[in-house]
């Protein structure tokens, strides 16, 4: 799914208007400038719709970056199956992507976890020494 298709699911306007608006936003044009002076290329979209398109474009970019990071992380763990890869690539819901990643997420060690490990090692060494 492209960014235009992703945005078109939420905004009810022609795809060419969305494409032109995204292009203008990528050129660092401001929303008021686009709505006032580029009406011909955006199909007379008002500021609220242009703002919604800008937000959805950022959401799309965030989702794509997160997908890449999740796929890379799972692939580094050598746990990526073709089925899982396909599910992640087809998903455009950030929560769903995180749900797919949850079983493969690396656990962070807290200070308490480190202390327990050190304590268990010390007990184990004392146990073997006494035997």
N, C-alpha and C. Protein backbone atom coordinates (compact mmCIF):
# COMPACT_ATOMS: atom_id res chain seq x y z
N UNK A 1 0.84 -1.17 0.00
CA UNK A 1 0.00 0.00 0.00
C UNK A 1 0.89 1.24 0.00
N UNK A 2 0.57 2.15 -0.85
CA UNK A 2 1.34 3.38 -0.94
C UNK A 2 0.79 4.42 0.04
N UNK A 3 1.53 5.49 0.19
CA UNK A 3 1.08 6.54 1.09
C UNK A 3 -0.21 7.19 0.59
N UNK A 4 -0.38 7.29 -0.71
CA UNK A 4 -1.60 7.88 -1.28
C UNK A 4 -2.80 7.00 -0.96
N UNK A 5 -2.65 5.68 -1.10
CA UNK A 5 -3.75 4.76 -0.78
C UNK A 5 -4.08 4.80 0.71
N UNK A 6 -3.04 4.89 1.54
CA UNK A 6 -3.23 4.95 2.98
C UNK A 6 -4.02 6.21 3.36
N UNK A 7 -3.66 7.34 2.77
CA UNK A 7 -4.35 8.59 3.08
C UNK A 7 -5.76 8.59 2.49
N UNK A 8 -5.92 8.02 1.30
CA UNK A 8 -7.22 8.02 0.63
C UNK A 8 -8.27 7.23 1.41
N UNK A 9 -7.83 6.28 2.25
CA UNK A 9 -8.79 5.52 3.06
C UNK A 9 -9.48 6.42 4.07
N UNK A 10 -8.82 7.50 4.49
CA UNK A 10 -9.38 8.38 5.52
C UNK A 10 -9.91 9.71 4.97
N UNK A 11 -9.38 10.15 3.87
CA UNK A 11 -9.77 11.44 3.30
C UNK A 11 -10.57 11.19 2.03
N UNK A 12 -11.73 11.80 1.96
CA UNK A 12 -12.60 11.61 0.80
C UNK A 12 -12.34 12.67 -0.26
N UNK A 13 -11.30 12.44 -1.04
CA UNK A 13 -10.98 13.33 -2.16
C UNK A 13 -10.23 12.51 -3.21
N UNK A 14 -10.04 13.10 -4.36
CA UNK A 14 -9.38 12.39 -5.45
C UNK A 14 -7.91 12.12 -5.12
N UNK A 15 -7.42 11.02 -5.62
CA UNK A 15 -6.04 10.61 -5.35
C UNK A 15 -5.04 11.63 -5.89
N UNK A 16 -5.34 12.25 -7.00
CA UNK A 16 -4.43 13.23 -7.58
C UNK A 16 -4.31 14.46 -6.66
N UNK A 17 -5.41 14.83 -6.00
CA UNK A 17 -5.36 15.96 -5.06
C UNK A 17 -4.48 15.61 -3.87
N UNK A 18 -4.60 14.39 -3.39
CA UNK A 18 -3.78 13.93 -2.27
C UNK A 18 -2.32 13.91 -2.69
N UNK A 19 -2.05 13.39 -3.86
CA UNK A 19 -0.68 13.30 -4.36
C UNK A 19 -0.06 14.69 -4.49
N UNK A 20 -0.80 15.63 -5.05
CA UNK A 20 -0.27 17.00 -5.20
C UNK A 20 -0.06 17.66 -3.85
N UNK A 21 -0.96 17.43 -2.91
CA UNK A 21 -0.82 18.01 -1.57
C UNK A 21 0.41 17.45 -0.86
N UNK A 22 0.61 16.14 -0.95
CA UNK A 22 1.78 15.51 -0.32
C UNK A 22 3.06 16.06 -0.95
N UNK A 23 3.04 16.23 -2.27
CA UNK A 23 4.21 16.77 -2.96
C UNK A 23 4.52 18.18 -2.45
N UNK A 24 3.49 19.01 -2.30
CA UNK A 24 3.70 20.38 -1.80
C UNK A 24 4.19 20.36 -0.35
N UNK A 25 3.67 19.45 0.46
CA UNK A 25 4.12 19.35 1.85
C UNK A 25 5.58 18.90 1.93
N UNK A 26 5.98 18.02 1.03
CA UNK A 26 7.37 17.57 0.99
C UNK A 26 8.30 18.69 0.54
N UNK A 27 7.78 19.64 -0.20
CA UNK A 27 8.56 20.80 -0.62
C UNK A 27 8.60 21.88 0.46
N UNK A 28 8.13 21.54 1.65
CA UNK A 28 8.11 22.43 2.82
C UNK A 28 7.19 23.63 2.66
N UNK A 29 6.14 23.48 1.90
CA UNK A 29 5.12 24.53 1.84
C UNK A 29 4.26 24.43 3.08
N UNK A 30 3.84 25.56 3.60
CA UNK A 30 3.00 25.55 4.79
C UNK A 30 1.55 25.27 4.42
N UNK A 31 0.79 24.83 5.40
CA UNK A 31 -0.62 24.48 5.16
C UNK A 31 -1.43 25.71 4.71
N UNK A 32 -1.27 26.88 5.37
CA UNK A 32 -2.02 28.05 4.89
C UNK A 32 -1.64 28.45 3.46
N UNK A 33 -0.35 28.35 3.14
CA UNK A 33 0.10 28.68 1.79
C UNK A 33 -0.55 27.76 0.77
N UNK A 34 -0.55 26.47 1.07
CA UNK A 34 -1.14 25.49 0.13
C UNK A 34 -2.63 25.76 -0.05
N UNK A 35 -3.34 26.00 1.06
CA UNK A 35 -4.80 26.17 0.95
C UNK A 35 -5.18 27.48 0.27
N UNK A 36 -4.33 28.50 0.38
CA UNK A 36 -4.68 29.79 -0.22
C UNK A 36 -4.18 29.95 -1.66
N UNK A 37 -2.93 29.52 -1.90
CA UNK A 37 -2.29 29.84 -3.18
C UNK A 37 -2.09 28.65 -4.12
N UNK A 38 -2.38 27.47 -3.67
CA UNK A 38 -2.24 26.30 -4.54
C UNK A 38 -3.54 25.53 -4.66
N UNK A 39 -4.63 26.26 -4.69
CA UNK A 39 -5.96 25.64 -4.79
C UNK A 39 -6.12 24.86 -6.08
N UNK A 40 -5.49 25.34 -7.14
CA UNK A 40 -5.62 24.67 -8.43
C UNK A 40 -5.02 23.26 -8.41
N UNK A 41 -3.92 23.06 -7.70
CA UNK A 41 -3.29 21.74 -7.69
C UNK A 41 -3.88 20.82 -6.62
N UNK A 42 -4.51 21.42 -5.59
CA UNK A 42 -5.07 20.57 -4.52
C UNK A 42 -6.56 20.35 -4.67
N UNK A 43 -7.16 20.92 -5.67
CA UNK A 43 -8.59 20.73 -5.87
C UNK A 43 -9.43 21.46 -4.85
N UNK A 44 -9.01 22.67 -4.47
CA UNK A 44 -9.72 23.51 -3.51
C UNK A 44 -9.89 22.87 -2.14
N UNK A 45 -8.90 22.15 -1.68
CA UNK A 45 -8.96 21.56 -0.34
C UNK A 45 -8.77 22.66 0.69
N UNK A 46 -9.53 22.58 1.78
CA UNK A 46 -9.36 23.58 2.83
C UNK A 46 -8.27 23.16 3.81
N UNK A 47 -7.96 24.05 4.75
CA UNK A 47 -6.84 23.83 5.66
C UNK A 47 -7.01 22.58 6.51
N UNK A 48 -8.24 22.29 6.93
CA UNK A 48 -8.44 21.11 7.79
C UNK A 48 -8.13 19.82 7.06
N UNK A 49 -8.51 19.74 5.81
CA UNK A 49 -8.24 18.53 5.03
C UNK A 49 -6.74 18.41 4.75
N UNK A 50 -6.10 19.52 4.44
CA UNK A 50 -4.66 19.51 4.18
C UNK A 50 -3.91 19.12 5.45
N UNK A 51 -4.37 19.63 6.59
CA UNK A 51 -3.75 19.27 7.86
C UNK A 51 -3.93 17.78 8.15
N UNK A 52 -5.10 17.26 7.83
CA UNK A 52 -5.36 15.83 8.00
C UNK A 52 -4.45 15.00 7.09
N UNK A 53 -4.26 15.45 5.86
CA UNK A 53 -3.36 14.76 4.92
C UNK A 53 -1.93 14.78 5.47
N UNK A 54 -1.49 15.93 6.00
CA UNK A 54 -0.14 16.03 6.56
C UNK A 54 0.04 15.07 7.73
N UNK A 55 -0.96 14.99 8.60
CA UNK A 55 -0.90 14.09 9.76
C UNK A 55 -0.85 12.63 9.30
N UNK A 56 -1.70 12.28 8.34
CA UNK A 56 -1.72 10.90 7.85
C UNK A 56 -0.42 10.54 7.14
N UNK A 57 0.20 11.50 6.46
CA UNK A 57 1.48 11.26 5.82
C UNK A 57 2.55 10.95 6.86
N UNK A 58 2.55 11.71 7.97
CA UNK A 58 3.50 11.44 9.05
C UNK A 58 3.23 10.09 9.69
N UNK A 59 1.96 9.75 9.87
CA UNK A 59 1.60 8.45 10.43
C UNK A 59 2.09 7.32 9.52
N UNK A 60 1.92 7.50 8.22
CA UNK A 60 2.37 6.49 7.26
C UNK A 60 3.88 6.29 7.35
N UNK A 61 4.62 7.39 7.41
CA UNK A 61 6.08 7.30 7.50
C UNK A 61 6.50 6.63 8.80
N UNK A 62 5.81 6.92 9.89
CA UNK A 62 6.11 6.29 11.18
C UNK A 62 5.87 4.79 11.11
N UNK A 63 4.78 4.40 10.51
CA UNK A 63 4.44 2.97 10.40
C UNK A 63 5.47 2.25 9.54
N UNK A 64 5.86 2.85 8.43
CA UNK A 64 6.85 2.22 7.54
C UNK A 64 8.19 2.05 8.25
N UNK A 65 8.62 3.08 8.98
CA UNK A 65 9.89 2.99 9.71
C UNK A 65 9.82 1.92 10.79
N UNK A 66 8.70 1.85 11.49
CA UNK A 66 8.55 0.84 12.55
C UNK A 66 8.53 -0.56 11.97
N UNK A 67 7.87 -0.73 10.83
CA UNK A 67 7.86 -2.03 10.16
C UNK A 67 9.27 -2.48 9.83
N UNK A 68 10.06 -1.56 9.27
CA UNK A 68 11.44 -1.89 8.90
C UNK A 68 12.25 -2.29 10.14
N UNK A 69 12.06 -1.55 11.23
CA UNK A 69 12.80 -1.85 12.46
C UNK A 69 12.39 -3.21 13.03
N UNK A 70 11.10 -3.49 13.02
CA UNK A 70 10.60 -4.77 13.54
C UNK A 70 11.12 -5.93 12.68
N UNK A 71 11.02 -5.79 11.38
CA UNK A 71 11.50 -6.85 10.48
C UNK A 71 13.00 -7.09 10.66
N UNK A 72 13.75 -6.01 10.78
CA UNK A 72 15.19 -6.14 10.95
C UNK A 72 15.52 -6.83 12.27
N UNK A 73 14.83 -6.46 13.33
CA UNK A 73 15.09 -7.05 14.64
C UNK A 73 14.76 -8.54 14.66
N UNK A 74 13.62 -8.90 14.10
CA UNK A 74 13.23 -10.32 14.08
C UNK A 74 14.17 -11.11 13.17
N UNK A 75 14.59 -10.50 12.08
CA UNK A 75 15.51 -11.18 11.16
C UNK A 75 16.87 -11.41 11.81
N UNK A 76 17.33 -10.45 12.61
CA UNK A 76 18.60 -10.62 13.31
C UNK A 76 18.53 -11.77 14.32
N UNK A 77 17.35 -12.02 14.85
CA UNK A 77 17.16 -13.12 15.79
C UNK A 77 16.96 -14.45 15.06
N UNK A 78 16.94 -14.40 13.74
CA UNK A 78 16.74 -15.57 12.88
C UNK A 78 15.42 -16.28 13.18
N UNK A 79 14.38 -15.48 13.44
CA UNK A 79 13.07 -16.02 13.76
C UNK A 79 12.01 -15.57 12.77
N UNK A 80 12.42 -14.92 11.68
CA UNK A 80 11.47 -14.37 10.72
C UNK A 80 11.03 -15.46 9.75
N UNK A 81 9.75 -15.77 9.77
CA UNK A 81 9.18 -16.73 8.83
C UNK A 81 8.53 -15.95 7.68
N UNK A 82 8.38 -16.59 6.53
CA UNK A 82 7.72 -15.89 5.42
C UNK A 82 6.29 -15.45 5.78
N UNK A 83 5.60 -16.26 6.56
CA UNK A 83 4.23 -15.92 6.96
C UNK A 83 4.20 -14.68 7.84
N UNK A 84 5.10 -14.62 8.82
CA UNK A 84 5.17 -13.47 9.71
C UNK A 84 5.58 -12.22 8.94
N UNK A 85 6.53 -12.36 8.04
CA UNK A 85 6.97 -11.23 7.24
C UNK A 85 5.82 -10.67 6.41
N UNK A 86 5.03 -11.55 5.83
CA UNK A 86 3.89 -11.13 5.02
C UNK A 86 2.85 -10.41 5.88
N UNK A 87 2.58 -10.94 7.07
CA UNK A 87 1.61 -10.30 7.96
C UNK A 87 2.07 -8.90 8.35
N UNK A 88 3.35 -8.77 8.69
CA UNK A 88 3.86 -7.46 9.09
C UNK A 88 3.82 -6.48 7.92
N UNK A 89 4.22 -6.93 6.74
CA UNK A 89 4.25 -6.05 5.58
C UNK A 89 2.85 -5.61 5.16
N UNK A 90 1.84 -6.45 5.36
CA UNK A 90 0.48 -6.09 4.96
C UNK A 90 -0.23 -5.23 6.00
N UNK A 91 0.26 -5.21 7.21
CA UNK A 91 -0.39 -4.46 8.28
C UNK A 91 -0.02 -2.98 8.20
N UNK A 92 -1.03 -2.13 8.41
CA UNK A 92 -0.79 -0.69 8.48
C UNK A 92 -1.41 -0.11 9.75
N UNK A 93 -1.44 -0.95 10.78
CA UNK A 93 -1.90 -0.53 12.09
C UNK A 93 -0.73 -0.69 13.05
N UNK A 94 -0.30 0.39 13.65
CA UNK A 94 0.89 0.38 14.50
C UNK A 94 0.74 -0.58 15.67
N UNK A 95 -0.44 -0.65 16.25
CA UNK A 95 -0.67 -1.55 17.38
C UNK A 95 -0.57 -3.01 16.94
N UNK A 96 -1.08 -3.30 15.77
CA UNK A 96 -1.01 -4.67 15.25
C UNK A 96 0.44 -5.09 14.98
N UNK A 97 1.23 -4.16 14.45
CA UNK A 97 2.65 -4.44 14.21
C UNK A 97 3.36 -4.72 15.53
N UNK A 98 3.06 -3.93 16.55
CA UNK A 98 3.66 -4.15 17.86
C UNK A 98 3.23 -5.49 18.45
N UNK A 99 1.98 -5.88 18.20
CA UNK A 99 1.51 -7.18 18.68
C UNK A 99 2.26 -8.32 18.01
N UNK A 100 2.55 -8.19 16.72
CA UNK A 100 3.34 -9.21 16.02
C UNK A 100 4.76 -9.28 16.60
N UNK A 101 5.29 -8.13 16.99
CA UNK A 101 6.67 -8.05 17.46
C UNK A 101 6.83 -8.48 18.92
N UNK A 102 5.77 -8.43 19.68
CA UNK A 102 5.83 -8.66 21.12
C UNK A 102 6.56 -9.95 21.52
N UNK A 103 6.30 -11.10 20.90
CA UNK A 103 7.02 -12.32 21.33
C UNK A 103 8.52 -12.27 21.04
N UNK A 104 8.95 -11.42 20.12
CA UNK A 104 10.35 -11.37 19.71
C UNK A 104 11.08 -10.17 20.31
N UNK A 105 10.36 -9.37 21.07
CA UNK A 105 10.95 -8.16 21.65
C UNK A 105 12.01 -8.55 22.68
N UNK A 106 13.13 -7.86 22.60
CA UNK A 106 14.21 -8.13 23.55
C UNK A 106 13.83 -7.58 24.91
N UNK A 107 14.01 -8.40 25.91
CA UNK A 107 13.68 -7.99 27.28
C UNK A 107 14.82 -7.14 27.83
N UNK A 108 14.47 -6.05 28.49
CA UNK A 108 15.48 -5.19 29.08
C UNK A 108 15.75 -5.67 30.50
N UNK A 109 17.02 -5.70 30.87
CA UNK A 109 17.38 -6.12 32.21
C UNK A 109 17.31 -4.92 33.15
N UNK A 110 16.62 -5.13 34.25
CA UNK A 110 16.57 -4.09 35.26
C UNK A 110 17.71 -4.31 36.25
N UNK A 111 17.90 -3.37 37.12
CA UNK A 111 18.93 -3.51 38.14
C UNK A 111 18.61 -4.70 39.04
N UNK A 112 17.34 -4.93 39.28
CA UNK A 112 16.94 -6.07 40.12
C UNK A 112 17.28 -7.39 39.44
N UNK A 113 17.09 -7.47 38.12
CA UNK A 113 17.44 -8.70 37.39
C UNK A 113 18.93 -8.98 37.48
N UNK A 114 19.72 -7.95 37.31
CA UNK A 114 21.18 -8.10 37.38
C UNK A 114 21.59 -8.53 38.79
N UNK A 115 20.98 -7.93 39.80
CA UNK A 115 21.30 -8.28 41.19
C UNK A 115 20.95 -9.74 41.48
N UNK A 116 19.79 -10.20 40.97
CA UNK A 116 19.40 -11.60 41.17
C UNK A 116 20.41 -12.55 40.53
N UNK A 117 20.83 -12.21 39.31
CA UNK A 117 21.81 -13.06 38.64
C UNK A 117 23.11 -13.15 39.43
N UNK A 118 23.59 -12.02 39.90
CA UNK A 118 24.83 -11.99 40.68
C UNK A 118 24.64 -12.81 41.96
N UNK A 119 23.52 -12.67 42.61
CA UNK A 119 23.24 -13.38 43.84
C UNK A 119 23.18 -14.89 43.60
N UNK A 120 22.49 -15.30 42.52
CA UNK A 120 22.41 -16.73 42.22
C UNK A 120 23.77 -17.31 41.86
N UNK A 121 24.57 -16.54 41.14
CA UNK A 121 25.92 -17.02 40.82
C UNK A 121 26.73 -17.22 42.11
N UNK A 122 26.63 -16.28 43.02
CA UNK A 122 27.37 -16.37 44.29
C UNK A 122 26.90 -17.58 45.09
N UNK A 123 25.62 -17.82 45.14
CA UNK A 123 25.09 -18.99 45.87
C UNK A 123 25.56 -20.27 45.20
N UNK A 124 25.53 -20.29 43.86
CA UNK A 124 25.97 -21.48 43.13
C UNK A 124 27.43 -21.78 43.39
N UNK A 125 28.26 -20.77 43.39
CA UNK A 125 29.69 -20.97 43.66
C UNK A 125 29.89 -21.48 45.07
N UNK A 126 29.18 -20.92 46.04
CA UNK A 126 29.30 -21.38 47.43
C UNK A 126 28.81 -22.82 47.57
N UNK A 127 27.81 -23.17 46.83
CA UNK A 127 27.26 -24.52 46.89
C UNK A 127 28.29 -25.53 46.39
N UNK A 128 28.91 -25.22 45.26
CA UNK A 128 29.91 -26.14 44.70
C UNK A 128 31.17 -26.19 45.54
N UNK A 129 31.52 -25.11 46.18
CA UNK A 129 32.71 -25.08 47.04
C UNK A 129 32.50 -25.94 48.26
N UNK A 130 31.30 -25.96 48.84
CA UNK A 130 31.01 -26.72 50.05
C UNK A 130 30.95 -28.21 49.79
N UNK A 131 30.62 -28.61 48.60
CA UNK A 131 30.49 -30.04 48.29
C UNK A 131 31.79 -30.71 48.27
